[in-house]
Amino acid sequence: METRQHFSDELHRMYQDVLHMGTLVEEALRKALTAVTTQDRDLAEQVKEGDQRVDTLQFALDRRCTEIIATEQPVATDLREILVAMKIASDLERIGDHARHLVRVMDQLTDSVFGETMPWFSTMTEKGIAMVHDSVTAYVNHDPGLAREVARRDDEIDELHRGLYKELVGLIASNPDRVETGTALVFLNRFLERLGDHVTNMCEWIVYAKTGEHVELNKA
């Protein structure tokens, strides 16, 4: 009984680590958006520094999960939960990177030519933040229904990505002297589109944790 309690405690800590990572990543995206829209360079530096915290937490979680597998010999269902925690942590770490990408181009986002694209980036980021928040909620609550609903929202980010890409290409064509700035924003647009893909991956793992079935969510 004592051994099983220890195992349950370890799983609880694992869930808490994932929740903590999700909170940090959501906070990083929110800070990055605020830093860009207000041109707050101190806040931008906080985002860059905070990315290391997310990386460190992912490393610690992977180590915890590896130790659980090695010492507790979990059965199939528990092993699935551990695998899912590691997969979700990996996607959260990548999403955290996108917050750093956002603050790196804060000067380009206020460029005299490309500043008009800022609302596009703000909307994409806001939708991404909401998806991260709700996917972590689905994970903690073991809610595959919510996970499926969150994954469907990736269509909205994809649509914004396509519209913004056309806008950026048009601005670059009209302002060849701003190619470097425009290219940086094209990459940012792609990073934010990938954010939605990472959340969709998380949602697929949440469904797998509950059902044991691999599903592809929101695939055309």
N, C-alpha and C. Protein backbone atom coordinates (compact mmCIF):
# COMPACT_ATOMS: atom_id res chain seq x y z
N MET A 1 0.83 -1.20 0.00
CA MET A 1 0.00 0.00 0.00
C MET A 1 0.87 1.26 0.00
N GLU A 2 1.94 1.23 0.80
CA GLU A 2 2.83 2.38 0.88
C GLU A 2 3.49 2.64 -0.45
N THR A 3 3.87 1.55 -1.16
CA THR A 3 4.49 1.69 -2.47
C THR A 3 3.55 2.35 -3.45
N ARG A 4 2.27 1.92 -3.43
CA ARG A 4 1.28 2.49 -4.34
C ARG A 4 1.03 3.97 -4.04
N GLN A 5 1.05 4.32 -2.75
CA GLN A 5 0.85 5.72 -2.38
C GLN A 5 1.99 6.58 -2.89
N HIS A 6 3.20 6.03 -2.79
CA HIS A 6 4.37 6.76 -3.30
C HIS A 6 4.24 6.98 -4.81
N PHE A 7 3.77 5.96 -5.51
CA PHE A 7 3.58 6.06 -6.95
C PHE A 7 2.52 7.13 -7.27
N SER A 8 1.43 7.13 -6.54
CA SER A 8 0.37 8.13 -6.74
C SER A 8 0.90 9.54 -6.49
N ASP A 9 1.74 9.68 -5.47
CA ASP A 9 2.32 10.98 -5.18
C ASP A 9 3.20 11.46 -6.33
N GLU A 10 3.95 10.53 -6.92
CA GLU A 10 4.83 10.89 -8.03
C GLU A 10 4.01 11.31 -9.25
N LEU A 11 2.93 10.60 -9.51
CA LEU A 11 2.06 10.98 -10.62
C LEU A 11 1.44 12.36 -10.39
N HIS A 12 1.06 12.62 -9.15
CA HIS A 12 0.49 13.93 -8.82
C HIS A 12 1.51 15.03 -9.07
N ARG A 13 2.75 14.80 -8.68
CA ARG A 13 3.79 15.80 -8.92
C ARG A 13 4.01 16.00 -10.42
N MET A 14 3.91 14.91 -11.16
CA MET A 14 4.05 14.99 -12.62
C MET A 14 2.97 15.88 -13.22
N TYR A 15 1.73 15.69 -12.80
CA TYR A 15 0.63 16.53 -13.27
C TYR A 15 0.87 17.99 -12.89
N GLN A 16 1.35 18.22 -11.68
CA GLN A 16 1.60 19.58 -11.23
C GLN A 16 2.69 20.24 -12.06
N ASP A 17 3.70 19.47 -12.45
CA ASP A 17 4.77 20.01 -13.30
C ASP A 17 4.21 20.45 -14.65
N VAL A 18 3.35 19.62 -15.24
CA VAL A 18 2.76 19.98 -16.53
C VAL A 18 1.90 21.24 -16.38
N LEU A 19 1.11 21.28 -15.33
CA LEU A 19 0.27 22.45 -15.07
C LEU A 19 1.13 23.70 -14.89
N HIS A 20 2.22 23.58 -14.16
CA HIS A 20 3.12 24.71 -13.94
C HIS A 20 3.72 25.17 -15.27
N MET A 21 4.14 24.22 -16.10
CA MET A 21 4.67 24.58 -17.41
C MET A 21 3.63 25.33 -18.23
N GLY A 22 2.40 24.81 -18.23
CA GLY A 22 1.34 25.46 -18.98
C GLY A 22 1.10 26.88 -18.52
N THR A 23 1.13 27.08 -17.21
CA THR A 23 0.94 28.42 -16.64
C THR A 23 2.05 29.36 -17.05
N LEU A 24 3.29 28.87 -17.01
CA LEU A 24 4.43 29.69 -17.39
C LEU A 24 4.39 30.07 -18.87
N VAL A 25 4.01 29.12 -19.71
CA VAL A 25 3.96 29.38 -21.15
C VAL A 25 2.85 30.38 -21.48
N GLU A 26 1.70 30.18 -20.87
CA GLU A 26 0.60 31.13 -21.08
C GLU A 26 1.01 32.53 -20.63
N GLU A 27 1.66 32.61 -19.49
CA GLU A 27 2.14 33.89 -18.96
C GLU A 27 3.16 34.51 -19.90
N ALA A 28 4.04 33.70 -20.46
CA ALA A 28 5.08 34.20 -21.36
C ALA A 28 4.47 34.79 -22.63
N LEU A 29 3.48 34.11 -23.18
CA LEU A 29 2.81 34.63 -24.37
C LEU A 29 2.10 35.93 -24.08
N ARG A 30 1.44 36.00 -22.93
CA ARG A 30 0.73 37.22 -22.54
C ARG A 30 1.72 38.38 -22.34
N LYS A 31 2.83 38.11 -21.67
CA LYS A 31 3.84 39.15 -21.47
C LYS A 31 4.44 39.59 -22.80
N ALA A 32 4.68 38.64 -23.69
CA ALA A 32 5.27 38.97 -24.99
C ALA A 32 4.35 39.88 -25.78
N LEU A 33 3.06 39.56 -25.79
CA LEU A 33 2.11 40.39 -26.52
C LEU A 33 2.04 41.79 -25.91
N THR A 34 2.03 41.87 -24.60
CA THR A 34 2.00 43.18 -23.93
C THR A 34 3.27 43.97 -24.22
N ALA A 35 4.42 43.28 -24.18
CA ALA A 35 5.70 43.94 -24.44
C ALA A 35 5.73 44.54 -25.84
N VAL A 36 5.22 43.78 -26.80
CA VAL A 36 5.24 44.25 -28.18
C VAL A 36 4.29 45.42 -28.39
N THR A 37 3.08 45.30 -27.85
CA THR A 37 2.08 46.35 -28.09
C THR A 37 2.39 47.64 -27.34
N THR A 38 3.12 47.54 -26.25
CA THR A 38 3.46 48.74 -25.47
C THR A 38 4.92 49.15 -25.63
N GLN A 39 5.67 48.37 -26.42
CA GLN A 39 7.10 48.61 -26.61
C GLN A 39 7.84 48.62 -25.28
N ASP A 40 7.51 47.69 -24.41
CA ASP A 40 8.11 47.57 -23.08
C ASP A 40 9.30 46.62 -23.17
N ARG A 41 10.50 47.19 -23.25
CA ARG A 41 11.69 46.36 -23.45
C ARG A 41 12.08 45.60 -22.19
N ASP A 42 11.79 46.14 -21.03
CA ASP A 42 12.06 45.41 -19.79
C ASP A 42 11.21 44.14 -19.73
N LEU A 43 9.95 44.27 -20.13
CA LEU A 43 9.07 43.10 -20.14
C LEU A 43 9.53 42.10 -21.18
N ALA A 44 10.04 42.59 -22.29
CA ALA A 44 10.56 41.69 -23.33
C ALA A 44 11.73 40.87 -22.79
N GLU A 45 12.58 41.52 -22.01
CA GLU A 45 13.71 40.80 -21.42
C GLU A 45 13.22 39.73 -20.44
N GLN A 46 12.15 40.04 -19.71
CA GLN A 46 11.58 39.04 -18.80
C GLN A 46 11.11 37.80 -19.56
N VAL A 47 10.55 38.02 -20.74
CA VAL A 47 10.09 36.90 -21.56
C VAL A 47 11.28 36.03 -21.96
N LYS A 48 12.34 36.66 -22.39
CA LYS A 48 13.52 35.91 -22.82
C LYS A 48 14.11 35.12 -21.65
N GLU A 49 14.19 35.76 -20.47
CA GLU A 49 14.73 35.08 -19.29
C GLU A 49 13.80 33.96 -18.82
N GLY A 50 12.49 34.18 -18.93
CA GLY A 50 11.53 33.17 -18.49
C GLY A 50 11.55 31.92 -19.32
N ASP A 51 12.01 32.03 -20.57
CA ASP A 51 12.06 30.85 -21.44
C ASP A 51 12.97 29.78 -20.85
N GLN A 52 14.03 30.21 -20.17
CA GLN A 52 14.94 29.26 -19.54
C GLN A 52 14.25 28.49 -18.43
N ARG A 53 13.34 29.14 -17.72
CA ARG A 53 12.59 28.45 -16.66
C ARG A 53 11.74 27.32 -17.24
N VAL A 54 11.12 27.59 -18.38
CA VAL A 54 10.30 26.56 -19.03
C VAL A 54 11.18 25.39 -19.47
N ASP A 55 12.34 25.70 -20.06
CA ASP A 55 13.25 24.64 -20.50
C ASP A 55 13.71 23.79 -19.31
N THR A 56 14.03 24.46 -18.21
CA THR A 56 14.50 23.75 -17.01
C THR A 56 13.41 22.85 -16.45
N LEU A 57 12.19 23.35 -16.44
CA LEU A 57 11.07 22.57 -15.91
C LEU A 57 10.79 21.36 -16.79
N GLN A 58 10.90 21.53 -18.11
CA GLN A 58 10.70 20.38 -18.98
C GLN A 58 11.75 19.30 -18.72
N PHE A 59 12.99 19.73 -18.56
CA PHE A 59 14.07 18.78 -18.27
C PHE A 59 13.79 18.02 -16.97
N ALA A 60 13.36 18.75 -15.94
CA ALA A 60 13.06 18.12 -14.65
C ALA A 60 11.90 17.15 -14.77
N LEU A 61 10.88 17.52 -15.55
CA LEU A 61 9.73 16.63 -15.72
C LEU A 61 10.12 15.36 -16.46
N ASP A 62 10.92 15.50 -17.51
CA ASP A 62 11.39 14.31 -18.24
C ASP A 62 12.18 13.38 -17.31
N ARG A 63 13.00 13.97 -16.47
CA ARG A 63 13.78 13.17 -15.53
C ARG A 63 12.88 12.47 -14.53
N ARG A 64 11.87 13.19 -14.03
CA ARG A 64 10.93 12.59 -13.09
C ARG A 64 10.19 11.41 -13.74
N CYS A 65 9.73 11.62 -14.96
CA CYS A 65 8.99 10.56 -15.66
C CYS A 65 9.87 9.35 -15.92
N THR A 66 11.11 9.59 -16.28
CA THR A 66 12.04 8.48 -16.52
C THR A 66 12.28 7.68 -15.24
N GLU A 67 12.41 8.40 -14.14
CA GLU A 67 12.62 7.73 -12.85
C GLU A 67 11.39 6.93 -12.43
N ILE A 68 10.21 7.45 -12.70
CA ILE A 68 8.98 6.73 -12.37
C ILE A 68 8.92 5.42 -13.15
N ILE A 69 9.23 5.50 -14.44
CA ILE A 69 9.19 4.29 -15.27
C ILE A 69 10.21 3.27 -14.78
N ALA A 70 11.41 3.76 -14.41
CA ALA A 70 12.49 2.85 -14.02
C ALA A 70 12.26 2.22 -12.65
N THR A 71 11.65 2.95 -11.74
CA THR A 71 11.55 2.48 -10.35
C THR A 71 10.17 1.94 -9.96
N GLU A 72 9.13 2.39 -10.64
CA GLU A 72 7.77 2.01 -10.24
C GLU A 72 7.15 0.92 -11.11
N GLN A 73 7.76 0.66 -12.27
CA GLN A 73 7.23 -0.35 -13.20
C GLN A 73 5.72 -0.18 -13.40
N PRO A 74 5.31 0.96 -13.96
CA PRO A 74 3.88 1.22 -14.11
C PRO A 74 3.20 0.28 -15.10
N VAL A 75 1.92 0.01 -14.85
CA VAL A 75 1.13 -0.82 -15.76
C VAL A 75 0.78 0.01 -16.99
N ALA A 76 0.14 -0.62 -17.97
CA ALA A 76 -0.07 0.02 -19.27
C ALA A 76 -0.79 1.37 -19.17
N THR A 77 -1.85 1.43 -18.39
CA THR A 77 -2.62 2.67 -18.29
C THR A 77 -1.78 3.79 -17.69
N ASP A 78 -1.06 3.50 -16.62
CA ASP A 78 -0.21 4.51 -15.98
C ASP A 78 0.94 4.92 -16.90
N LEU A 79 1.47 3.94 -17.62
CA LEU A 79 2.57 4.24 -18.54
C LEU A 79 2.10 5.21 -19.63
N ARG A 80 0.86 5.03 -20.07
CA ARG A 80 0.29 5.93 -21.06
C ARG A 80 0.22 7.35 -20.52
N GLU A 81 -0.19 7.50 -19.26
CA GLU A 81 -0.27 8.82 -18.65
C GLU A 81 1.10 9.50 -18.58
N ILE A 82 2.11 8.70 -18.26
CA ILE A 82 3.46 9.24 -18.16
C ILE A 82 3.96 9.68 -19.54
N LEU A 83 3.71 8.84 -20.54
CA LEU A 83 4.11 9.20 -21.91
C LEU A 83 3.44 10.48 -22.35
N VAL A 84 2.16 10.61 -22.09
CA VAL A 84 1.41 11.80 -22.49
C VAL A 84 1.96 13.05 -21.80
N ALA A 85 2.30 12.95 -20.53
CA ALA A 85 2.87 14.09 -19.81
C ALA A 85 4.15 14.57 -20.49
N MET A 86 4.99 13.64 -20.90
CA MET A 86 6.25 14.00 -21.55
C MET A 86 6.00 14.64 -22.92
N LYS A 87 5.04 14.12 -23.65
CA LYS A 87 4.72 14.66 -24.97
C LYS A 87 4.16 16.07 -24.86
N ILE A 88 3.25 16.27 -23.93
CA ILE A 88 2.64 17.59 -23.75
C ILE A 88 3.69 18.60 -23.28
N ALA A 89 4.57 18.18 -22.40
CA ALA A 89 5.64 19.07 -21.94
C ALA A 89 6.53 19.50 -23.11
N SER A 90 6.77 18.59 -24.03
CA SER A 90 7.60 18.92 -25.19
C SER A 90 6.92 19.97 -26.06
N ASP A 91 5.62 19.83 -26.28
CA ASP A 91 4.89 20.84 -27.07
C ASP A 91 4.84 22.17 -26.34
N LEU A 92 4.65 22.14 -25.03
CA LEU A 92 4.63 23.40 -24.26
C LEU A 92 5.97 24.13 -24.36
N GLU A 93 7.05 23.37 -24.33
CA GLU A 93 8.37 23.99 -24.44
C GLU A 93 8.51 24.70 -25.78
N ARG A 94 8.02 24.07 -26.85
CA ARG A 94 8.11 24.68 -28.17
C ARG A 94 7.22 25.92 -28.26
N ILE A 95 6.05 25.87 -27.64
CA ILE A 95 5.17 27.03 -27.63
C ILE A 95 5.83 28.19 -26.88
N GLY A 96 6.53 27.87 -25.80
CA GLY A 96 7.26 28.90 -25.07
C GLY A 96 8.30 29.59 -25.93
N ASP A 97 8.90 28.85 -26.85
CA ASP A 97 9.87 29.45 -27.77
C ASP A 97 9.21 30.53 -28.62
N HIS A 98 7.94 30.34 -28.97
CA HIS A 98 7.27 31.31 -29.83
C HIS A 98 7.05 32.64 -29.12
N ALA A 99 6.93 32.63 -27.81
CA ALA A 99 6.86 33.88 -27.06
C ALA A 99 8.16 34.66 -27.23
N ARG A 100 9.27 33.95 -27.20
CA ARG A 100 10.56 34.60 -27.40
C ARG A 100 10.69 35.15 -28.82
N HIS A 101 10.19 34.38 -29.81
CA HIS A 101 10.22 34.86 -31.19
C HIS A 101 9.43 36.16 -31.34
N LEU A 102 8.33 36.26 -30.62
CA LEU A 102 7.48 37.44 -30.73
C LEU A 102 8.21 38.70 -30.27
N VAL A 103 8.87 38.63 -29.13
CA VAL A 103 9.54 39.85 -28.63
C VAL A 103 10.80 40.18 -29.43
N ARG A 104 11.35 39.19 -30.11
CA ARG A 104 12.55 39.46 -30.90
C ARG A 104 12.27 40.37 -32.09
N VAL A 105 11.03 40.42 -32.54
CA VAL A 105 10.72 41.25 -33.72
C VAL A 105 9.86 42.45 -33.34
N MET A 106 9.94 42.90 -32.09
CA MET A 106 9.08 44.01 -31.65
C MET A 106 9.37 45.29 -32.44
N ASP A 107 10.61 45.50 -32.86
CA ASP A 107 10.92 46.70 -33.63
C ASP A 107 10.28 46.63 -35.02
N GLN A 108 10.33 45.44 -35.63
CA GLN A 108 9.74 45.28 -36.96
C GLN A 108 8.23 45.48 -36.94
N LEU A 109 7.60 45.11 -35.81
CA LEU A 109 6.15 45.22 -35.71
C LEU A 109 5.67 46.67 -35.61
N THR A 110 6.59 47.58 -35.29
CA THR A 110 6.23 49.00 -35.24
C THR A 110 6.83 49.77 -36.41
N ASP A 111 7.37 49.05 -37.38
CA ASP A 111 7.92 49.68 -38.57
C ASP A 111 6.83 50.51 -39.26
N SER A 112 7.23 51.62 -39.85
CA SER A 112 6.25 52.53 -40.47
C SER A 112 5.42 51.86 -41.55
N VAL A 113 6.00 50.87 -42.22
CA VAL A 113 5.28 50.17 -43.29
C VAL A 113 4.48 49.00 -42.75
N PHE A 114 5.07 48.23 -41.86
CA PHE A 114 4.46 46.98 -41.42
C PHE A 114 3.66 47.10 -40.12
N GLY A 115 3.65 48.30 -39.51
CA GLY A 115 2.92 48.48 -38.26
C GLY A 115 1.44 48.15 -38.38
N GLU A 116 0.89 48.29 -39.59
CA GLU A 116 -0.53 48.02 -39.79
C GLU A 116 -0.88 46.53 -39.64
N THR A 117 0.14 45.68 -39.62
CA THR A 117 -0.13 44.24 -39.46
C THR A 117 -0.23 43.82 -38.00
N MET A 118 0.07 44.75 -37.08
CA MET A 118 0.07 44.41 -35.66
C MET A 118 -1.25 43.81 -35.19
N PRO A 119 -2.42 44.31 -35.61
CA PRO A 119 -3.67 43.69 -35.17
C PRO A 119 -3.79 42.22 -35.56
N TRP A 120 -3.25 41.87 -36.72
CA TRP A 120 -3.27 40.46 -37.13
C TRP A 120 -2.49 39.61 -36.13
N PHE A 121 -1.28 40.06 -35.81
CA PHE A 121 -0.44 39.30 -34.88
C PHE A 121 -1.05 39.25 -33.49
N SER A 122 -1.66 40.34 -33.06
CA SER A 122 -2.31 40.37 -31.75
C SER A 122 -3.44 39.36 -31.68
N THR A 123 -4.26 39.32 -32.72
CA THR A 123 -5.40 38.40 -32.73
C THR A 123 -4.93 36.95 -32.74
N MET A 124 -3.92 36.65 -33.55
CA MET A 124 -3.39 35.28 -33.59
C MET A 124 -2.85 34.87 -32.23
N THR A 125 -2.12 35.78 -31.59
CA THR A 125 -1.53 35.46 -30.29
C THR A 125 -2.61 35.27 -29.23
N GLU A 126 -3.61 36.13 -29.24
CA GLU A 126 -4.71 36.00 -28.27
C GLU A 126 -5.41 34.65 -28.43
N LYS A 127 -5.66 34.26 -29.65
CA LYS A 127 -6.30 32.96 -29.89
C LYS A 127 -5.39 31.82 -29.44
N GLY A 128 -4.09 31.98 -29.66
CA GLY A 128 -3.15 30.96 -29.22
C GLY A 128 -3.10 30.84 -27.71
N ILE A 129 -3.12 31.97 -27.02
CA ILE A 129 -3.12 31.96 -25.55
C ILE A 129 -4.35 31.22 -25.02
N ALA A 130 -5.51 31.51 -25.60
CA ALA A 130 -6.75 30.85 -25.17
C ALA A 130 -6.69 29.35 -25.42
N MET A 131 -6.10 28.95 -26.55
CA MET A 131 -5.98 27.52 -26.86
C MET A 131 -5.06 26.83 -25.86
N VAL A 132 -3.94 27.48 -25.52
CA VAL A 132 -3.02 26.89 -24.54
C VAL A 132 -3.72 26.71 -23.21
N HIS A 133 -4.41 27.76 -22.76
CA HIS A 133 -5.10 27.70 -21.47
C HIS A 133 -6.12 26.56 -21.44
N ASP A 134 -6.93 26.47 -22.47
CA ASP A 134 -8.00 25.48 -22.46
C ASP A 134 -7.49 24.06 -22.68
N SER A 135 -6.39 23.92 -23.41
CA SER A 135 -5.83 22.57 -23.60
C SER A 135 -5.23 22.05 -22.29
N VAL A 136 -4.58 22.93 -21.53
CA VAL A 136 -4.05 22.51 -20.23
C VAL A 136 -5.20 22.16 -19.29
N THR A 137 -6.28 22.93 -19.36
CA THR A 137 -7.47 22.61 -18.56
C THR A 137 -8.01 21.23 -18.94
N ALA A 138 -8.06 20.95 -20.24
CA ALA A 138 -8.53 19.64 -20.70
C ALA A 138 -7.62 18.52 -20.19
N TYR A 139 -6.33 18.78 -20.15
CA TYR A 139 -5.38 17.78 -19.65
C TYR A 139 -5.60 17.51 -18.17
N VAL A 140 -5.68 18.57 -17.39
CA VAL A 140 -5.84 18.41 -15.94
C VAL A 140 -7.16 17.73 -15.60
N ASN A 141 -8.21 18.04 -16.36
CA ASN A 141 -9.54 17.49 -16.09
C ASN A 141 -9.83 16.19 -16.83
N HIS A 142 -8.83 15.69 -17.57
CA HIS A 142 -9.01 14.45 -18.35
C HIS A 142 -10.25 14.57 -19.23
N ASP A 143 -10.33 15.66 -19.99
CA ASP A 143 -11.53 15.98 -20.75
C ASP A 143 -11.25 15.93 -22.26
N PRO A 144 -11.42 14.77 -22.89
CA PRO A 144 -11.16 14.67 -24.33
C PRO A 144 -12.14 15.50 -25.17
N GLY A 145 -13.35 15.71 -24.66
CA GLY A 145 -14.31 16.53 -25.39
C GLY A 145 -13.82 17.95 -25.55
N LEU A 146 -13.32 18.53 -24.46
CA LEU A 146 -12.76 19.88 -24.52
C LEU A 146 -11.54 19.90 -25.42
N ALA A 147 -10.71 18.86 -25.34
CA ALA A 147 -9.52 18.80 -26.19
C ALA A 147 -9.90 18.84 -27.67
N ARG A 148 -10.92 18.12 -28.05
CA ARG A 148 -11.37 18.12 -29.44
C ARG A 148 -11.87 19.51 -29.86
N GLU A 149 -12.59 20.17 -28.95
CA GLU A 149 -13.12 21.50 -29.25
C GLU A 149 -11.98 22.50 -29.42
N VAL A 150 -10.98 22.41 -28.57
CA VAL A 150 -9.83 23.32 -28.66
C VAL A 150 -9.10 23.11 -29.98
N ALA A 151 -8.90 21.86 -30.37
CA ALA A 151 -8.18 21.57 -31.61
C ALA A 151 -8.88 22.17 -32.82
N ARG A 152 -10.20 22.19 -32.80
CA ARG A 152 -10.95 22.75 -33.93
C ARG A 152 -10.66 24.23 -34.13
N ARG A 153 -10.28 24.91 -33.06
CA ARG A 153 -9.99 26.35 -33.15
C ARG A 153 -8.73 26.64 -33.95
N ASP A 154 -7.94 25.62 -34.21
CA ASP A 154 -6.73 25.83 -35.00
C ASP A 154 -7.08 26.33 -36.40
N ASP A 155 -8.28 26.01 -36.88
CA ASP A 155 -8.73 26.51 -38.19
C ASP A 155 -8.72 28.04 -38.21
N GLU A 156 -9.09 28.65 -37.08
CA GLU A 156 -9.13 30.11 -37.02
C GLU A 156 -7.74 30.70 -37.15
N ILE A 157 -6.76 30.08 -36.50
CA ILE A 157 -5.38 30.56 -36.61
C ILE A 157 -4.85 30.33 -38.02
N ASP A 158 -5.18 29.20 -38.61
CA ASP A 158 -4.74 28.92 -39.98
C ASP A 158 -5.29 29.96 -40.96
N GLU A 159 -6.55 30.34 -40.76
CA GLU A 159 -7.17 31.34 -41.65
C GLU A 159 -6.48 32.69 -41.50
N LEU A 160 -6.19 33.08 -40.26
CA LEU A 160 -5.46 34.33 -40.03
C LEU A 160 -4.07 34.27 -40.64
N HIS A 161 -3.43 33.13 -40.51
CA HIS A 161 -2.09 32.95 -41.08
C HIS A 161 -2.09 33.18 -42.58
N ARG A 162 -3.07 32.61 -43.27
CA ARG A 162 -3.15 32.77 -44.72
C ARG A 162 -3.42 34.23 -45.11
N GLY A 163 -4.34 34.86 -44.39
CA GLY A 163 -4.64 36.26 -44.70
C GLY A 163 -3.47 37.17 -44.44
N LEU A 164 -2.78 36.96 -43.33
CA LEU A 164 -1.64 37.80 -42.98
C LEU A 164 -0.49 37.57 -43.95
N TYR A 165 -0.30 36.34 -44.40
CA TYR A 165 0.77 36.06 -45.36
C TYR A 165 0.57 36.88 -46.63
N LYS A 166 -0.67 36.90 -47.13
CA LYS A 166 -0.96 37.68 -48.34
C LYS A 166 -0.70 39.16 -48.10
N GLU A 167 -1.09 39.64 -46.91
CA GLU A 167 -0.87 41.04 -46.56
C GLU A 167 0.62 41.37 -46.54
N LEU A 168 1.41 40.50 -45.92
CA LEU A 168 2.85 40.74 -45.83
C LEU A 168 3.53 40.69 -47.19
N VAL A 169 3.16 39.73 -48.00
CA VAL A 169 3.75 39.63 -49.33
C VAL A 169 3.45 40.88 -50.15
N GLY A 170 2.22 41.38 -50.03
CA GLY A 170 1.86 42.60 -50.73
C GLY A 170 2.68 43.80 -50.27
N LEU A 171 2.88 43.92 -48.97
CA LEU A 171 3.66 45.04 -48.42
C LEU A 171 5.13 44.94 -48.83
N ILE A 172 5.65 43.72 -48.85
CA ILE A 172 7.05 43.54 -49.27
C ILE A 172 7.21 43.92 -50.73
N ALA A 173 6.26 43.49 -51.56
CA ALA A 173 6.33 43.80 -52.99
C ALA A 173 6.27 45.31 -53.24
N SER A 174 5.49 46.00 -52.42
CA SER A 174 5.34 47.46 -52.58
C SER A 174 6.49 48.24 -51.95
N ASN A 175 7.25 47.58 -51.08
CA ASN A 175 8.33 48.25 -50.36
C ASN A 175 9.59 47.38 -50.36
N PRO A 176 10.23 47.26 -51.53
CA PRO A 176 11.39 46.36 -51.63
C PRO A 176 12.54 46.73 -50.71
N ASP A 177 12.58 47.98 -50.26
CA ASP A 177 13.64 48.38 -49.33
C ASP A 177 13.40 47.85 -47.92
N ARG A 178 12.22 47.23 -47.70
CA ARG A 178 11.88 46.70 -46.38
C ARG A 178 11.80 45.17 -46.39
N VAL A 179 12.51 44.56 -47.32
CA VAL A 179 12.44 43.10 -47.46
C VAL A 179 12.85 42.39 -46.18
N GLU A 180 13.92 42.84 -45.56
CA GLU A 180 14.41 42.17 -44.35
C GLU A 180 13.38 42.22 -43.23
N THR A 181 12.77 43.38 -43.04
CA THR A 181 11.74 43.52 -42.02
C THR A 181 10.55 42.63 -42.34
N GLY A 182 10.10 42.67 -43.57
CA GLY A 182 8.96 41.86 -43.98
C GLY A 182 9.22 40.38 -43.83
N THR A 183 10.43 39.96 -44.15
CA THR A 183 10.77 38.54 -44.03
C THR A 183 10.72 38.08 -42.58
N ALA A 184 11.20 38.92 -41.67
CA ALA A 184 11.16 38.58 -40.24
C ALA A 184 9.72 38.37 -39.79
N LEU A 185 8.81 39.18 -40.30
CA LEU A 185 7.41 39.06 -39.91
C LEU A 185 6.74 37.87 -40.58
N VAL A 186 7.18 37.52 -41.77
CA VAL A 186 6.68 36.30 -42.41
C VAL A 186 7.02 35.08 -41.54
N PHE A 187 8.25 35.07 -41.01
CA PHE A 187 8.65 33.97 -40.13
C PHE A 187 7.83 33.97 -38.84
N LEU A 188 7.58 35.16 -38.28
CA LEU A 188 6.77 35.23 -37.06
C LEU A 188 5.37 34.70 -37.33
N ASN A 189 4.81 35.05 -38.47
CA ASN A 189 3.49 34.55 -38.86
C ASN A 189 3.48 33.02 -38.87
N ARG A 190 4.55 32.45 -39.40
CA ARG A 190 4.66 31.00 -39.44
C ARG A 190 4.80 30.42 -38.04
N PHE A 191 5.57 31.07 -37.19
CA PHE A 191 5.74 30.58 -35.82
C PHE A 191 4.39 30.53 -35.09
N LEU A 192 3.59 31.59 -35.26
CA LEU A 192 2.30 31.63 -34.57
C LEU A 192 1.33 30.58 -35.14
N GLU A 193 1.44 30.31 -36.43
CA GLU A 193 0.63 29.24 -37.01
C GLU A 193 1.03 27.90 -36.41
N ARG A 194 2.33 27.72 -36.21
CA ARG A 194 2.82 26.48 -35.61
C ARG A 194 2.36 26.34 -34.16
N LEU A 195 2.17 27.47 -33.47
CA LEU A 195 1.67 27.43 -32.10
C LEU A 195 0.36 26.66 -32.06
N GLY A 196 -0.54 26.97 -32.99
CA GLY A 196 -1.81 26.25 -33.05
C GLY A 196 -1.62 24.77 -33.31
N ASP A 197 -0.63 24.45 -34.14
CA ASP A 197 -0.35 23.03 -34.42
C ASP A 197 0.14 22.31 -33.17
N HIS A 198 0.98 22.97 -32.39
CA HIS A 198 1.48 22.35 -31.16
C HIS A 198 0.34 22.10 -30.16
N VAL A 199 -0.58 23.05 -30.06
CA VAL A 199 -1.72 22.84 -29.17
C VAL A 199 -2.58 21.69 -29.68
N THR A 200 -2.74 21.59 -30.98
CA THR A 200 -3.50 20.46 -31.55
C THR A 200 -2.83 19.14 -31.20
N ASN A 201 -1.50 19.10 -31.28
CA ASN A 201 -0.77 17.89 -30.87
C ASN A 201 -1.07 17.54 -29.42
N MET A 202 -1.07 18.56 -28.56
CA MET A 202 -1.39 18.34 -27.15
C MET A 202 -2.77 17.73 -26.99
N CYS A 203 -3.71 18.26 -27.74
CA CYS A 203 -5.09 17.77 -27.66
C CYS A 203 -5.20 16.31 -28.11
N GLU A 204 -4.43 15.96 -29.11
CA GLU A 204 -4.43 14.57 -29.57
C GLU A 204 -3.90 13.64 -28.48
N TRP A 205 -2.87 14.09 -27.76
CA TRP A 205 -2.34 13.27 -26.68
C TRP A 205 -3.31 13.19 -25.50
N ILE A 206 -4.06 14.24 -25.28
CA ILE A 206 -5.07 14.22 -24.20
C ILE A 206 -6.15 13.18 -24.51
N VAL A 207 -6.58 13.14 -25.76
CA VAL A 207 -7.56 12.13 -26.17
C VAL A 207 -6.98 10.74 -26.02
N TYR A 208 -5.72 10.59 -26.41
CA TYR A 208 -5.05 9.28 -26.28
C TYR A 208 -4.96 8.84 -24.83
N ALA A 209 -4.65 9.77 -23.94
CA ALA A 209 -4.53 9.43 -22.51
C ALA A 209 -5.84 8.86 -21.98
N LYS A 210 -6.95 9.39 -22.46
CA LYS A 210 -8.25 8.96 -21.95
C LYS A 210 -8.78 7.71 -22.65
N THR A 211 -8.54 7.61 -23.96
CA THR A 211 -9.15 6.53 -24.74
C THR A 211 -8.19 5.43 -25.16
N GLY A 212 -6.89 5.73 -25.17
CA GLY A 212 -5.92 4.76 -25.65
C GLY A 212 -5.86 4.70 -27.16
N GLU A 213 -6.54 5.63 -27.84
CA GLU A 213 -6.57 5.65 -29.30
C GLU A 213 -5.85 6.88 -29.83
N HIS A 214 -5.03 6.65 -30.86
CA HIS A 214 -4.38 7.76 -31.54
C HIS A 214 -5.36 8.36 -32.56
N VAL A 215 -5.61 9.63 -32.45
CA VAL A 215 -6.51 10.31 -33.39
C VAL A 215 -5.81 11.52 -33.98
N GLU A 216 -6.18 11.86 -35.18
CA GLU A 216 -5.68 13.08 -35.81
C GLU A 216 -6.80 14.10 -35.75
N LEU A 217 -6.59 15.15 -35.01
CA LEU A 217 -7.60 16.19 -34.84
C LEU A 217 -7.35 17.34 -35.81
N ASN A 218 -8.41 17.81 -36.38
CA ASN A 218 -8.37 19.00 -37.21
C ASN A 218 -7.42 18.85 -38.39
N LYS A 219 -7.38 17.68 -38.98
CA LYS A 219 -6.57 17.48 -40.18
C LYS A 219 -7.46 17.51 -41.40
N ALA A 220 -7.03 18.32 -42.38
CA ALA A 220 -7.83 18.45 -43.61
C ALA A 220 -7.75 17.18 -44.44
